[in-house]
Amino acid sequence: MSLTLRRIMKGEKVPGLDNPRQTLRDIGLLVANRDRIECISKEDEYNVPRSLTSARVRGEQQNALLITFADLFDQTVRYAKANGTFTRE
């Protein structure tokens, strides 16, 4: 999940979401730090259930995030397998 969230924070598009950062705000994942800069808390960075199952966003938004997460996950697994670094642990 961390990769998906980092990409959104860098401004990458998410198919099916007009404003991915706003979706993260709606979920409650974006918080302001001491300098009033929006960021994702460390405890939420790897919290897949919180990121994908919030009742605060519409089903279409959840689906768009889930598809993006699943695509990146699949790419990461394929890359690890191709490089011999994939483990099931």
N, C-alpha and C. Protein backbone atom coordinates (compact mmCIF):
# COMPACT_ATOMS: atom_id res chain seq x y z
N MET A 1 0.82 -1.19 0.00
CA MET A 1 0.00 0.00 0.00
C MET A 1 0.86 1.25 0.00
N SER A 2 2.00 1.14 0.65
CA SER A 2 2.88 2.29 0.76
C SER A 2 3.23 2.88 -0.61
N LEU A 3 3.55 2.03 -1.58
CA LEU A 3 3.92 2.51 -2.91
C LEU A 3 2.75 3.25 -3.55
N THR A 4 1.56 2.73 -3.43
CA THR A 4 0.38 3.38 -3.99
C THR A 4 0.19 4.76 -3.38
N LEU A 5 0.28 4.84 -2.06
CA LEU A 5 0.09 6.12 -1.38
C LEU A 5 1.19 7.12 -1.73
N ARG A 6 2.44 6.65 -1.80
CA ARG A 6 3.55 7.55 -2.16
C ARG A 6 3.37 8.10 -3.56
N ARG A 7 2.91 7.27 -4.47
CA ARG A 7 2.70 7.74 -5.84
C ARG A 7 1.59 8.78 -5.90
N ILE A 8 0.53 8.56 -5.16
CA ILE A 8 -0.55 9.56 -5.11
C ILE A 8 -0.02 10.86 -4.53
N MET A 9 0.77 10.78 -3.48
CA MET A 9 1.32 11.99 -2.86
C MET A 9 2.24 12.75 -3.81
N LYS A 10 2.87 12.04 -4.74
CA LYS A 10 3.74 12.68 -5.73
C LYS A 10 2.94 13.26 -6.90
N GLY A 11 1.63 13.02 -6.90
CA GLY A 11 0.78 13.61 -7.93
C GLY A 11 0.41 12.70 -9.07
N GLU A 12 0.74 11.41 -8.96
CA GLU A 12 0.37 10.50 -10.04
C GLU A 12 -1.14 10.32 -10.10
N LYS A 13 -1.62 10.11 -11.30
CA LYS A 13 -3.05 9.91 -11.53
C LYS A 13 -3.46 8.49 -11.12
N VAL A 14 -4.72 8.37 -10.74
CA VAL A 14 -5.32 7.07 -10.45
C VAL A 14 -6.56 6.96 -11.33
N PRO A 15 -6.55 6.02 -12.28
CA PRO A 15 -7.72 5.88 -13.14
C PRO A 15 -8.99 5.70 -12.31
N GLY A 16 -10.00 6.50 -12.63
CA GLY A 16 -11.27 6.42 -11.91
C GLY A 16 -11.42 7.43 -10.78
N LEU A 17 -10.34 8.16 -10.47
CA LEU A 17 -10.41 9.19 -9.42
C LEU A 17 -10.06 10.55 -10.01
N ASP A 18 -10.96 11.49 -9.84
CA ASP A 18 -10.69 12.85 -10.31
C ASP A 18 -9.59 13.50 -9.49
N ASN A 19 -9.61 13.27 -8.20
CA ASN A 19 -8.64 13.89 -7.30
C ASN A 19 -8.19 12.86 -6.25
N PRO A 20 -7.14 12.09 -6.57
CA PRO A 20 -6.70 11.04 -5.64
C PRO A 20 -6.34 11.57 -4.25
N ARG A 21 -5.70 12.74 -4.17
CA ARG A 21 -5.35 13.28 -2.84
C ARG A 21 -6.61 13.59 -2.03
N GLN A 22 -7.64 14.09 -2.69
CA GLN A 22 -8.88 14.37 -1.98
C GLN A 22 -9.50 13.07 -1.46
N THR A 23 -9.38 12.01 -2.23
CA THR A 23 -9.88 10.71 -1.78
C THR A 23 -9.14 10.29 -0.52
N LEU A 24 -7.82 10.50 -0.48
CA LEU A 24 -7.06 10.17 0.73
C LEU A 24 -7.51 11.05 1.91
N ARG A 25 -7.82 12.30 1.63
CA ARG A 25 -8.36 13.18 2.70
C ARG A 25 -9.69 12.63 3.21
N ASP A 26 -10.56 12.25 2.26
CA ASP A 26 -11.88 11.74 2.63
C ASP A 26 -11.78 10.47 3.48
N ILE A 27 -10.81 9.63 3.17
CA ILE A 27 -10.60 8.41 3.95
C ILE A 27 -10.08 8.74 5.34
N GLY A 28 -9.36 9.85 5.44
CA GLY A 28 -8.77 10.24 6.72
C GLY A 28 -7.30 9.88 6.80
N LEU A 29 -6.69 9.58 5.65
CA LEU A 29 -5.29 9.19 5.65
C LEU A 29 -4.33 10.38 5.64
N LEU A 30 -4.75 11.49 5.08
CA LEU A 30 -3.88 12.67 5.05
C LEU A 30 -4.07 13.47 6.33
N VAL A 31 -2.97 13.75 6.99
CA VAL A 31 -2.99 14.57 8.20
C VAL A 31 -1.95 15.67 8.05
N ALA A 32 -2.16 16.77 8.73
CA ALA A 32 -1.19 17.86 8.69
C ALA A 32 -0.14 17.63 9.77
N ASN A 33 1.13 17.76 9.39
CA ASN A 33 2.19 17.62 10.38
C ASN A 33 2.41 18.95 11.10
N ARG A 34 3.45 19.06 11.89
CA ARG A 34 3.71 20.29 12.66
C ARG A 34 3.87 21.51 11.78
N ASP A 35 4.39 21.29 10.57
CA ASP A 35 4.59 22.39 9.63
C ASP A 35 3.37 22.64 8.75
N ARG A 36 2.27 21.98 9.09
CA ARG A 36 1.01 22.08 8.36
C ARG A 36 1.12 21.58 6.92
N ILE A 37 1.98 20.61 6.72
CA ILE A 37 2.13 19.95 5.43
C ILE A 37 1.39 18.62 5.50
N GLU A 38 0.58 18.35 4.49
CA GLU A 38 -0.18 17.10 4.49
C GLU A 38 0.75 15.91 4.27
N CYS A 39 0.53 14.89 5.07
CA CYS A 39 1.32 13.66 4.95
C CYS A 39 0.46 12.50 5.43
N ILE A 40 0.98 11.31 5.22
CA ILE A 40 0.31 10.10 5.69
C ILE A 40 1.07 9.62 6.91
N SER A 41 0.36 9.35 7.98
CA SER A 41 1.03 8.91 9.20
C SER A 41 1.70 7.56 8.96
N LYS A 42 2.79 7.31 9.67
CA LYS A 42 3.54 6.07 9.52
C LYS A 42 2.67 4.84 9.78
N GLU A 43 1.80 4.93 10.78
CA GLU A 43 0.96 3.77 11.10
C GLU A 43 -0.07 3.47 10.00
N ASP A 44 -0.43 4.48 9.21
CA ASP A 44 -1.39 4.26 8.13
C ASP A 44 -0.73 3.91 6.81
N GLU A 45 0.57 4.13 6.70
CA GLU A 45 1.27 3.92 5.43
C GLU A 45 1.15 2.47 4.94
N TYR A 46 1.11 1.52 5.86
CA TYR A 46 1.04 0.12 5.48
C TYR A 46 -0.29 -0.52 5.88
N ASN A 47 -1.28 0.30 6.23
CA ASN A 47 -2.57 -0.19 6.70
C ASN A 47 -3.52 -0.38 5.52
N VAL A 48 -3.44 -1.52 4.88
CA VAL A 48 -4.26 -1.77 3.69
C VAL A 48 -5.75 -1.72 4.01
N PRO A 49 -6.24 -2.38 5.06
CA PRO A 49 -7.69 -2.32 5.32
C PRO A 49 -8.21 -0.89 5.49
N ARG A 50 -7.50 -0.06 6.23
CA ARG A 50 -7.96 1.32 6.41
C ARG A 50 -7.95 2.07 5.09
N SER A 51 -6.96 1.82 4.26
CA SER A 51 -6.81 2.52 3.00
C SER A 51 -7.89 2.14 1.99
N LEU A 52 -8.34 0.91 2.04
CA LEU A 52 -9.24 0.43 1.00
C LEU A 52 -10.68 0.19 1.43
N THR A 53 -10.99 0.30 2.71
CA THR A 53 -12.34 -0.05 3.14
C THR A 53 -13.03 1.05 3.93
N SER A 54 -12.67 2.28 3.69
CA SER A 54 -13.29 3.38 4.44
C SER A 54 -14.74 3.59 4.01
N ALA A 55 -15.61 3.75 4.98
CA ALA A 55 -17.02 4.03 4.70
C ALA A 55 -17.21 5.48 4.28
N ARG A 56 -16.15 6.28 4.37
CA ARG A 56 -16.25 7.70 4.04
C ARG A 56 -16.21 7.99 2.54
N VAL A 57 -15.86 6.99 1.73
CA VAL A 57 -15.77 7.21 0.29
C VAL A 57 -16.70 6.25 -0.45
N ARG A 58 -17.06 6.65 -1.66
CA ARG A 58 -17.97 5.84 -2.47
C ARG A 58 -17.28 4.55 -2.93
N GLY A 59 -18.08 3.58 -3.27
CA GLY A 59 -17.58 2.30 -3.75
C GLY A 59 -16.69 2.44 -4.97
N GLU A 60 -17.03 3.38 -5.88
CA GLU A 60 -16.21 3.56 -7.08
C GLU A 60 -14.81 4.04 -6.71
N GLN A 61 -14.73 4.89 -5.68
CA GLN A 61 -13.42 5.38 -5.24
C GLN A 61 -12.61 4.24 -4.63
N GLN A 62 -13.25 3.43 -3.80
CA GLN A 62 -12.57 2.28 -3.21
C GLN A 62 -12.08 1.33 -4.29
N ASN A 63 -12.93 1.09 -5.30
CA ASN A 63 -12.54 0.19 -6.38
C ASN A 63 -11.34 0.73 -7.15
N ALA A 64 -11.32 2.04 -7.42
CA ALA A 64 -10.21 2.65 -8.14
C ALA A 64 -8.91 2.49 -7.36
N LEU A 65 -8.96 2.71 -6.05
CA LEU A 65 -7.77 2.53 -5.22
C LEU A 65 -7.35 1.06 -5.18
N LEU A 66 -8.30 0.17 -5.05
CA LEU A 66 -8.00 -1.26 -4.98
C LEU A 66 -7.36 -1.74 -6.28
N ILE A 67 -7.89 -1.32 -7.41
CA ILE A 67 -7.33 -1.73 -8.70
C ILE A 67 -5.90 -1.21 -8.86
N THR A 68 -5.68 0.04 -8.48
CA THR A 68 -4.33 0.61 -8.56
C THR A 68 -3.38 -0.13 -7.64
N PHE A 69 -3.80 -0.40 -6.41
CA PHE A 69 -2.98 -1.15 -5.46
C PHE A 69 -2.66 -2.54 -6.01
N ALA A 70 -3.67 -3.24 -6.51
CA ALA A 70 -3.48 -4.60 -7.02
C ALA A 70 -2.53 -4.61 -8.23
N ASP A 71 -2.66 -3.63 -9.11
CA ASP A 71 -1.77 -3.55 -10.26
C ASP A 71 -0.32 -3.35 -9.83
N LEU A 72 -0.09 -2.44 -8.90
CA LEU A 72 1.27 -2.21 -8.41
C LEU A 72 1.81 -3.42 -7.67
N PHE A 73 0.97 -4.08 -6.90
CA PHE A 73 1.37 -5.29 -6.20
C PHE A 73 1.80 -6.37 -7.20
N ASP A 74 0.98 -6.58 -8.23
CA ASP A 74 1.30 -7.58 -9.25
C ASP A 74 2.62 -7.25 -9.95
N GLN A 75 2.82 -5.98 -10.28
CA GLN A 75 4.07 -5.56 -10.92
C GLN A 75 5.27 -5.85 -10.02
N THR A 76 5.12 -5.57 -8.74
CA THR A 76 6.20 -5.78 -7.78
C THR A 76 6.53 -7.26 -7.66
N VAL A 77 5.52 -8.11 -7.60
CA VAL A 77 5.73 -9.55 -7.50
C VAL A 77 6.40 -10.07 -8.77
N ARG A 78 5.92 -9.65 -9.93
CA ARG A 78 6.53 -10.10 -11.19
C ARG A 78 8.00 -9.68 -11.26
N TYR A 79 8.30 -8.46 -10.85
CA TYR A 79 9.67 -7.96 -10.85
C TYR A 79 10.54 -8.80 -9.91
N ALA A 80 10.04 -9.06 -8.71
CA ALA A 80 10.80 -9.85 -7.74
C ALA A 80 11.04 -11.27 -8.25
N LYS A 81 10.05 -11.87 -8.87
CA LYS A 81 10.21 -13.22 -9.42
C LYS A 81 11.24 -13.23 -10.54
N ALA A 82 11.17 -12.23 -11.41
CA ALA A 82 12.11 -12.14 -12.54
C ALA A 82 13.55 -11.95 -12.06
N ASN A 83 13.71 -11.31 -10.92
CA ASN A 83 15.06 -11.04 -10.39
C ASN A 83 15.50 -12.04 -9.33
N GLY A 84 14.67 -13.05 -9.07
CA GLY A 84 15.03 -14.08 -8.11
C GLY A 84 14.99 -13.63 -6.66
N THR A 85 14.27 -12.55 -6.39
CA THR A 85 14.21 -12.04 -5.01
C THR A 85 12.85 -12.29 -4.36
N PHE A 86 11.97 -12.99 -5.04
CA PHE A 86 10.63 -13.24 -4.50
C PHE A 86 10.68 -14.34 -3.45
N THR A 87 10.07 -14.08 -2.31
CA THR A 87 9.90 -15.09 -1.26
C THR A 87 8.45 -15.04 -0.81
N ARG A 88 7.97 -16.09 -0.23
CA ARG A 88 6.58 -16.16 0.23
C ARG A 88 6.44 -15.76 1.69
N GLU A 89 7.45 -15.28 2.31
CA GLU A 89 7.40 -14.93 3.73
C GLU A 89 6.64 -13.66 3.95
